[in-house]
Structures are given as structure tokens and as C-alpha cells.
Amino acid sequence: MHLAAAVNEKIISIFGPTHPSEKAPLHKESIYLWKQVGCNPCYDLYGRHPNPCPYKKKCMREIKVEEVLDFIFKMTN
């Protein structure tokens, strides 16, 4: 993701336990998906998070395939 930003490529990032403001590239061709579900962000800047996730990775399960495909379509057209 950061290498793509370094060479000005389009980027679609998916975030779950990490807040995008901490890790998302600051790049005009960058978009991200993130669902705030109440328990995230639970992954801190040092890579620590509850393992296993007590909520069965709800933050990732809430992001639907259709949403990802929509972002891809928007990015490529």
C-alpha cells in the first residue's frame, strides 16, 4: 500500500482493527473502506490487539464484497 503510494499508483485499502487515520496512505489516488463497529480500533500503533478477537472479526465481516467491488469500479472508471 505504501509502496504503491510512493510511485503514485491508485490504492484501495481495507481496514478493520486499525483506524485508517493511523495507517492509510496520504495520497490523492487512495481510498479506503472501514466500518466502525464499536469495538474498533483495537489494533494499536505497536501492533498489539486482542487475539483471538472476542467479536469474531466483526469489523472485517461488516465490509461486504459488493462494497469492495463498488470501490474498485469507482477507482478504475
PDB file of N, CA and C in Angstrom:
ATOM      1  N   MET A   1       0.830  -1.176   0.000  1.00  0.00           N
ATOM      2  CA  MET A   1       0.000   0.000   0.000  1.00  0.00           C
ATOM      3  C   MET A   1       0.881   1.249   0.000  1.00  0.00           C
ATOM      4  N   HIS A   2       1.868   1.310   0.872  1.00  0.00           N
ATOM      5  CA  HIS A   2       2.718   2.495   0.939  1.00  0.00           C
ATOM      6  C   HIS A   2       3.685   2.551  -0.240  1.00  0.00           C
ATOM      7  N   LEU A   3       4.104   1.395  -0.727  1.00  0.00           N
ATOM      8  CA  LEU A   3       4.949   1.371  -1.926  1.00  0.00           C
ATOM      9  C   LEU A   3       4.168   1.871  -3.132  1.00  0.00           C
ATOM     10  N   ALA A   4       2.909   1.465  -3.244  1.00  0.00           N
ATOM     11  CA  ALA A   4       2.065   1.946  -4.340  1.00  0.00           C
ATOM     12  C   ALA A   4       1.911   3.465  -4.259  1.00  0.00           C
ATOM     13  N   ALA A   5       1.740   3.992  -3.071  1.00  0.00           N
ATOM     14  CA  ALA A   5       1.619   5.444  -2.904  1.00  0.00           C
ATOM     15  C   ALA A   5       2.914   6.143  -3.306  1.00  0.00           C
ATOM     16  N   ALA A   6       4.043   5.510  -3.019  1.00  0.00           N
ATOM     17  CA  ALA A   6       5.335   6.112  -3.347  1.00  0.00           C
ATOM     18  C   ALA A   6       5.536   6.280  -4.847  1.00  0.00           C
ATOM     19  N   VAL A   7       4.889   5.426  -5.634  1.00  0.00           N
ATOM     20  CA  VAL A   7       5.022   5.517  -7.095  1.00  0.00           C
ATOM     21  C   VAL A   7       3.730   6.020  -7.742  1.00  0.00           C
ATOM     22  N   ASN A   8       2.891   6.679  -6.945  1.00  0.00           N
ATOM     23  CA  ASN A   8       1.660   7.323  -7.423  1.00  0.00           C
ATOM     24  C   ASN A   8       0.680   6.385  -8.113  1.00  0.00           C
ATOM     25  N   GLU A   9       0.517   5.194  -7.573  1.00  0.00           N
ATOM     26  CA  GLU A   9      -0.473   4.246  -8.092  1.00  0.00           C
ATOM     27  C   GLU A   9      -1.779   4.401  -7.329  1.00  0.00           C
ATOM     28  N   LYS A  10      -2.864   3.994  -7.943  1.00  0.00           N
ATOM     29  CA  LYS A  10      -4.166   4.006  -7.277  1.00  0.00           C
ATOM     30  C   LYS A  10      -4.190   2.929  -6.201  1.00  0.00           C
ATOM     31  N   ILE A  11      -4.839   3.246  -5.078  1.00  0.00           N
ATOM     32  CA  ILE A  11      -4.838   2.339  -3.930  1.00  0.00           C
ATOM     33  C   ILE A  11      -6.242   2.230  -3.355  1.00  0.00           C
ATOM     34  N   ILE A  12      -6.667   1.005  -3.109  1.00  0.00           N
ATOM     35  CA  ILE A  12      -7.877   0.744  -2.338  1.00  0.00           C
ATOM     36  C   ILE A  12      -7.430  -0.060  -1.125  1.00  0.00           C
ATOM     37  N   SER A  13      -7.619   0.480   0.058  1.00  0.00           N
ATOM     38  CA  SER A  13      -7.204  -0.181   1.293  1.00  0.00           C
ATOM     39  C   SER A  13      -8.432  -0.611   2.076  1.00  0.00           C
ATOM     40  N   ILE A  14      -8.314  -1.735   2.753  1.00  0.00           N
ATOM     41  CA  ILE A  14      -9.385  -2.234   3.616  1.00  0.00           C
ATOM     42  C   ILE A  14      -8.839  -2.274   5.037  1.00  0.00           C
ATOM     43  N   PHE A  15      -9.517  -1.573   5.934  1.00  0.00           N
ATOM     44  CA  PHE A  15      -9.102  -1.517   7.328  1.00  0.00           C
ATOM     45  C   PHE A  15     -10.167  -2.145   8.209  1.00  0.00           C
ATOM     46  N   GLY A  16      -9.736  -2.810   9.255  1.00  0.00           N
ATOM     47  CA  GLY A  16     -10.643  -3.428  10.212  1.00  0.00           C
ATOM     48  C   GLY A  16     -10.278  -2.990  11.617  1.00  0.00           C
ATOM     49  N   PRO A  17      -9.334  -3.702  12.257  1.00  0.00           N
ATOM     50  CA  PRO A  17      -8.964  -3.361  13.626  1.00  0.00           C
ATOM     51  C   PRO A  17      -8.093  -2.113  13.737  1.00  0.00           C
ATOM     52  N   THR A  18      -7.522  -1.668  12.634  1.00  0.00           N
ATOM     53  CA  THR A  18      -6.677  -0.477  12.628  1.00  0.00           C
ATOM     54  C   THR A  18      -7.476   0.710  12.108  1.00  0.00           C
ATOM     55  N   HIS A  19      -7.325   1.853  12.746  1.00  0.00           N
ATOM     56  CA  HIS A  19      -8.005   3.057  12.259  1.00  0.00           C
ATOM     57  C   HIS A  19      -7.248   3.580  11.039  1.00  0.00           C
ATOM     58  N   PRO A  20      -7.957   3.901   9.958  1.00  0.00           N
ATOM     59  CA  PRO A  20      -7.284   4.369   8.751  1.00  0.00           C
ATOM     60  C   PRO A  20      -6.440   5.624   8.961  1.00  0.00           C
ATOM     61  N   SER A  21      -6.797   6.457   9.919  1.00  0.00           N
ATOM     62  CA  SER A  21      -6.009   7.675  10.142  1.00  0.00           C
ATOM     63  C   SER A  21      -4.594   7.354  10.614  1.00  0.00           C
ATOM     64  N   GLU A  22      -4.377   6.145  11.118  1.00  0.00           N
ATOM     65  CA  GLU A  22      -3.049   5.750  11.585  1.00  0.00           C
ATOM     66  C   GLU A  22      -2.190   5.153  10.480  1.00  0.00           C
ATOM     67  N   LYS A  23      -2.806   4.493   9.501  1.00  0.00           N
ATOM     68  CA  LYS A  23      -2.023   3.726   8.534  1.00  0.00           C
ATOM     69  C   LYS A  23      -2.326   4.026   7.073  1.00  0.00           C
ATOM     70  N   ALA A  24      -3.438   4.665   6.773  1.00  0.00           N
ATOM     71  CA  ALA A  24      -3.800   4.894   5.368  1.00  0.00           C
ATOM     72  C   ALA A  24      -2.812   5.856   4.717  1.00  0.00           C
ATOM     73  N   PRO A  25      -2.429   5.567   3.483  1.00  0.00           N
ATOM     74  CA  PRO A  25      -1.514   6.476   2.793  1.00  0.00           C
ATOM     75  C   PRO A  25      -2.183   7.822   2.506  1.00  0.00           C
ATOM     76  N   LEU A  26      -1.413   8.872   2.633  1.00  0.00           N
ATOM     77  CA  LEU A  26      -1.904  10.217   2.320  1.00  0.00           C
ATOM     78  C   LEU A  26      -1.582  10.468   0.854  1.00  0.00           C
ATOM     79  N   HIS A  27      -2.502  10.084   0.023  1.00  0.00           N
ATOM     80  CA  HIS A  27      -2.254  10.063  -1.414  1.00  0.00           C
ATOM     81  C   HIS A  27      -3.558  10.385  -2.117  1.00  0.00           C
ATOM     82  N   LYS A  28      -3.522  11.228  -3.123  1.00  0.00           N
ATOM     83  CA  LYS A  28      -4.758  11.644  -3.786  1.00  0.00           C
ATOM     84  C   LYS A  28      -5.464  10.503  -4.499  1.00  0.00           C
ATOM     85  N   GLU A  29      -4.746   9.451  -4.852  1.00  0.00           N
ATOM     86  CA  GLU A  29      -5.332   8.301  -5.544  1.00  0.00           C
ATOM     87  C   GLU A  29      -5.637   7.158  -4.574  1.00  0.00           C
ATOM     88  N   SER A  30      -5.813   7.485  -3.308  1.00  0.00           N
ATOM     89  CA  SER A  30      -6.031   6.467  -2.281  1.00  0.00           C
ATOM     90  C   SER A  30      -7.443   6.587  -1.704  1.00  0.00           C
ATOM     91  N   ILE A  31      -8.140   5.466  -1.652  1.00  0.00           N
ATOM     92  CA  ILE A  31      -9.429   5.404  -0.965  1.00  0.00           C
ATOM     93  C   ILE A  31      -9.400   4.194  -0.040  1.00  0.00           C
ATOM     94  N   TYR A  32     -10.238   4.214   0.963  1.00  0.00           N
ATOM     95  CA  TYR A  32     -10.255   3.079   1.887  1.00  0.00           C
ATOM     96  C   TYR A  32     -11.671   2.755   2.327  1.00  0.00           C
ATOM     97  N   LEU A  33     -11.816   1.503   2.747  1.00  0.00           N
ATOM     98  CA  LEU A  33     -13.049   1.012   3.352  1.00  0.00           C
ATOM     99  C   LEU A  33     -12.756   0.736   4.814  1.00  0.00           C
ATOM    100  N   TRP A  34     -13.662   1.161   5.677  1.00  0.00           N
ATOM    101  CA  TRP A  34     -13.530   0.907   7.105  1.00  0.00           C
ATOM    102  C   TRP A  34     -14.906   1.015   7.721  1.00  0.00           C
ATOM    103  N   LYS A  35     -15.267   0.042   8.510  1.00  0.00           N
ATOM    104  CA  LYS A  35     -16.554   0.057   9.211  1.00  0.00           C
ATOM    105  C   LYS A  35     -16.284   0.231  10.697  1.00  0.00           C
ATOM    106  N   GLN A  36     -16.803   1.293  11.261  1.00  0.00           N
ATOM    107  CA  GLN A  36     -16.689   1.484  12.703  1.00  0.00           C
ATOM    108  C   GLN A  36     -17.819   0.700  13.347  1.00  0.00           C
ATOM    109  N   VAL A  37     -17.460  -0.290  14.142  1.00  0.00           N
ATOM    110  CA  VAL A  37     -18.462  -1.191  14.709  1.00  0.00           C
ATOM    111  C   VAL A  37     -18.540  -1.125  16.231  1.00  0.00           C
ATOM    112  N   GLY A  38     -17.815  -0.210  16.832  1.00  0.00           N
ATOM    113  CA  GLY A  38     -17.899  -0.046  18.276  1.00  0.00           C
ATOM    114  C   GLY A  38     -16.729  -0.640  19.038  1.00  0.00           C
ATOM    115  N   CYS A  39     -16.136  -1.693  18.506  1.00  0.00           N
ATOM    116  CA  CYS A  39     -15.004  -2.311  19.198  1.00  0.00           C
ATOM    117  C   CYS A  39     -13.682  -1.950  18.528  1.00  0.00           C
ATOM    118  N   ASN A  40     -13.748  -1.322  17.380  1.00  0.00           N
ATOM    119  CA  ASN A  40     -12.510  -0.929  16.711  1.00  0.00           C
ATOM    120  C   ASN A  40     -12.332   0.592  16.798  1.00  0.00           C
ATOM    121  N   PRO A  41     -11.152   1.122  16.743  1.00  0.00           N
ATOM    122  CA  PRO A  41      -9.938   0.363  16.504  1.00  0.00           C
ATOM    123  C   PRO A  41      -9.455  -0.329  17.775  1.00  0.00           C
ATOM    124  N   CYS A  42      -9.033  -1.552  17.622  1.00  0.00           N
ATOM    125  CA  CYS A  42      -8.489  -2.301  18.757  1.00  0.00           C
ATOM    126  C   CYS A  42      -7.022  -2.640  18.519  1.00  0.00           C
ATOM    127  N   TYR A  43      -6.505  -2.288  17.362  1.00  0.00           N
ATOM    128  CA  TYR A  43      -5.129  -2.580  16.980  1.00  0.00           C
ATOM    129  C   TYR A  43      -4.349  -1.296  17.145  1.00  0.00           C
ATOM    130  N   ASP A  44      -3.364  -1.295  18.023  1.00  0.00           N
ATOM    131  CA  ASP A  44      -2.674  -0.039  18.293  1.00  0.00           C
ATOM    132  C   ASP A  44      -1.459   0.155  17.381  1.00  0.00           C
ATOM    133  N   LEU A  45      -0.819   1.275  17.524  1.00  0.00           N
ATOM    134  CA  LEU A  45       0.324   1.619  16.670  1.00  0.00           C
ATOM    135  C   LEU A  45       1.490   0.647  16.799  1.00  0.00           C
ATOM    136  N   TYR A  46       1.515  -0.124  17.872  1.00  0.00           N
ATOM    137  CA  TYR A  46       2.622  -1.045  18.100  1.00  0.00           C
ATOM    138  C   TYR A  46       2.285  -2.470  17.689  1.00  0.00           C
ATOM    139  N   GLY A  47       1.141  -2.655  17.036  1.00  0.00           N
ATOM    140  CA  GLY A  47       0.776  -3.979  16.543  1.00  0.00           C
ATOM    141  C   GLY A  47       0.112  -4.874  17.569  1.00  0.00           C
ATOM    142  N   ARG A  48      -0.313  -4.311  18.686  1.00  0.00           N
ATOM    143  CA  ARG A  48      -0.968  -5.124  19.712  1.00  0.00           C
ATOM    144  C   ARG A  48      -2.476  -5.061  19.535  1.00  0.00           C
ATOM    145  N   HIS A  49      -3.111  -6.205  19.663  1.00  0.00           N
ATOM    146  CA  HIS A  49      -4.573  -6.265  19.617  1.00  0.00           C
ATOM    147  C   HIS A  49      -5.021  -7.519  20.335  1.00  0.00           C
ATOM    148  N   PRO A  50      -6.288  -7.566  20.739  1.00  0.00           N
ATOM    149  CA  PRO A  50      -6.780  -8.766  21.415  1.00  0.00           C
ATOM    150  C   PRO A  50      -6.805  -9.943  20.446  1.00  0.00           C
ATOM    151  N   ASN A  51      -6.215 -11.028  20.846  1.00  0.00           N
ATOM    152  CA  ASN A  51      -6.174 -12.198  19.974  1.00  0.00           C
ATOM    153  C   ASN A  51      -6.520 -13.420  20.803  1.00  0.00           C
ATOM    154  N   PRO A  52      -7.504 -14.188  20.488  1.00  0.00           N
ATOM    155  CA  PRO A  52      -8.383 -14.015  19.336  1.00  0.00           C
ATOM    156  C   PRO A  52      -9.396 -12.906  19.594  1.00  0.00           C
ATOM    157  N   CYS A  53      -9.909 -12.387  18.510  1.00  0.00           N
ATOM    158  CA  CYS A  53     -10.887 -11.301  18.603  1.00  0.00           C
ATOM    159  C   CYS A  53     -12.149 -11.810  19.295  1.00  0.00           C
ATOM    160  N   PRO A  54     -12.583 -11.149  20.364  1.00  0.00           N
ATOM    161  CA  PRO A  54     -13.791 -11.601  21.062  1.00  0.00           C
ATOM    162  C   PRO A  54     -15.075 -11.378  20.256  1.00  0.00           C
ATOM    163  N   TYR A  55     -14.987 -10.622  19.166  1.00  0.00           N
ATOM    164  CA  TYR A  55     -16.170 -10.329  18.344  1.00  0.00           C
ATOM    165  C   TYR A  55     -16.120 -11.004  16.976  1.00  0.00           C
ATOM    166  N   LYS A  56     -15.247 -12.005  16.860  1.00  0.00           N
ATOM    167  CA  LYS A  56     -15.133 -12.790  15.612  1.00  0.00           C
ATOM    168  C   LYS A  56     -14.877 -11.903  14.397  1.00  0.00           C
ATOM    169  N   LYS A  57     -14.004 -10.919  14.577  1.00  0.00           N
ATOM    170  CA  LYS A  57     -13.583 -10.017  13.493  1.00  0.00           C
ATOM    171  C   LYS A  57     -14.755  -9.304  12.813  1.00  0.00           C
ATOM    172  N   LYS A  58     -15.673  -8.837  13.617  1.00  0.00           N
ATOM    173  CA  LYS A  58     -16.860  -8.145  13.100  1.00  0.00           C
ATOM    174  C   LYS A  58     -16.484  -6.963  12.207  1.00  0.00           C
ATOM    175  N   CYS A  59     -15.420  -6.267  12.538  1.00  0.00           N
ATOM    176  CA  CYS A  59     -15.019  -5.095  11.754  1.00  0.00           C
ATOM    177  C   CYS A  59     -14.682  -5.461  10.311  1.00  0.00           C
ATOM    178  N   MET A  60     -14.197  -6.668  10.082  1.00  0.00           N
ATOM    179  CA  MET A  60     -13.895  -7.113   8.719  1.00  0.00           C
ATOM    180  C   MET A  60     -15.124  -7.738   8.064  1.00  0.00           C
ATOM    181  N   ARG A  61     -15.906  -8.464   8.837  1.00  0.00           N
ATOM    182  CA  ARG A  61     -17.099  -9.115   8.275  1.00  0.00           C
ATOM    183  C   ARG A  61     -18.151  -8.110   7.816  1.00  0.00           C
ATOM    184  N   GLU A  62     -18.148  -6.919   8.406  1.00  0.00           N
ATOM    185  CA  GLU A  62     -19.124  -5.889   8.036  1.00  0.00           C
ATOM    186  C   GLU A  62     -18.843  -5.277   6.662  1.00  0.00           C
ATOM    187  N   ILE A  63     -17.639  -5.437   6.162  1.00  0.00           N
ATOM    188  CA  ILE A  63     -17.301  -4.923   4.830  1.00  0.00           C
ATOM    189  C   ILE A  63     -17.730  -5.969   3.813  1.00  0.00           C
ATOM    190  N   LYS A  64     -18.676  -5.622   2.996  1.00  0.00           N
ATOM    191  CA  LYS A  64     -19.265  -6.562   2.032  1.00  0.00           C
ATOM    192  C   LYS A  64     -18.510  -6.549   0.706  1.00  0.00           C
ATOM    193  N   VAL A  65     -18.514  -7.696   0.047  1.00  0.00           N
ATOM    194  CA  VAL A  65     -17.858  -7.839  -1.252  1.00  0.00           C
ATOM    195  C   VAL A  65     -18.370  -6.786  -2.229  1.00  0.00           C
ATOM    196  N   GLU A  66     -19.666  -6.541  -2.207  1.00  0.00           N
ATOM    197  CA  GLU A  66     -20.261  -5.564  -3.118  1.00  0.00           C
ATOM    198  C   GLU A  66     -19.671  -4.164  -2.912  1.00  0.00           C
ATOM    199  N   GLU A  67     -19.386  -3.824  -1.659  1.00  0.00           N
ATOM    200  CA  GLU A  67     -18.784  -2.520  -1.378  1.00  0.00           C
ATOM    201  C   GLU A  67     -17.377  -2.433  -1.955  1.00  0.00           C
ATOM    202  N   VAL A  68     -16.622  -3.506  -1.799  1.00  0.00           N
ATOM    203  CA  VAL A  68     -15.262  -3.540  -2.344  1.00  0.00           C
ATOM    204  C   VAL A  68     -15.318  -3.421  -3.864  1.00  0.00           C
ATOM    205  N   LEU A  69     -16.205  -4.177  -4.489  1.00  0.00           N
ATOM    206  CA  LEU A  69     -16.337  -4.119  -5.948  1.00  0.00           C
ATOM    207  C   LEU A  69     -16.756  -2.729  -6.414  1.00  0.00           C
ATOM    208  N   ASP A  70     -17.629  -2.078  -5.661  1.00  0.00           N
ATOM    209  CA  ASP A  70     -18.053  -0.720  -5.999  1.00  0.00           C
ATOM    210  C   ASP A  70     -16.868   0.241  -5.946  1.00  0.00           C
ATOM    211  N   PHE A  71     -16.033   0.111  -4.927  1.00  0.00           N
ATOM    212  CA  PHE A  71     -14.843   0.954  -4.821  1.00  0.00           C
ATOM    213  C   PHE A  71     -13.897   0.693  -5.984  1.00  0.00           C
ATOM    214  N   ILE A  72     -13.734  -0.572  -6.351  1.00  0.00           N
ATOM    215  CA  ILE A  72     -12.866  -0.909  -7.484  1.00  0.00           C
ATOM    216  C   ILE A  72     -13.411  -0.277  -8.760  1.00  0.00           C
ATOM    217  N   PHE A  73     -14.714  -0.377  -8.959  1.00  0.00           N
ATOM    218  CA  PHE A  73     -15.337   0.213 -10.144  1.00  0.00           C
ATOM    219  C   PHE A  73     -15.116   1.728 -10.181  1.00  0.00           C
ATOM    220  N   LYS A  74     -15.331   2.386  -9.040  1.00  0.00           N
ATOM    221  CA  LYS A  74     -15.132   3.837  -8.976  1.00  0.00           C
ATOM    222  C   LYS A  74     -13.682   4.216  -9.258  1.00  0.00           C
ATOM    223  N   MET A  75     -12.762   3.413  -8.757  1.00  0.00           N
ATOM    224  CA  MET A  75     -11.344   3.723  -8.913  1.00  0.00           C
ATOM    225  C   MET A  75     -10.870   3.520 -10.355  1.00  0.00           C
ATOM    226  N   THR A  76     -11.466   2.579 -11.045  1.00  0.00           N
ATOM    227  CA  THR A  76     -10.981   2.245 -12.386  1.00  0.00           C
ATOM    228  C   THR A  76     -11.743   2.949 -13.496  1.00  0.00           C
ATOM    229  N   ASN A  77     -12.796   3.665 -13.172  1.00  0.00           N
ATOM    230  CA  ASN A  77     -13.565   4.387 -14.203  1.00  0.00           C
ATOM    231  C   ASN A  77     -13.540   5.880 -13.980  1.00  0.00           C
TER     232      ASN A  77
END
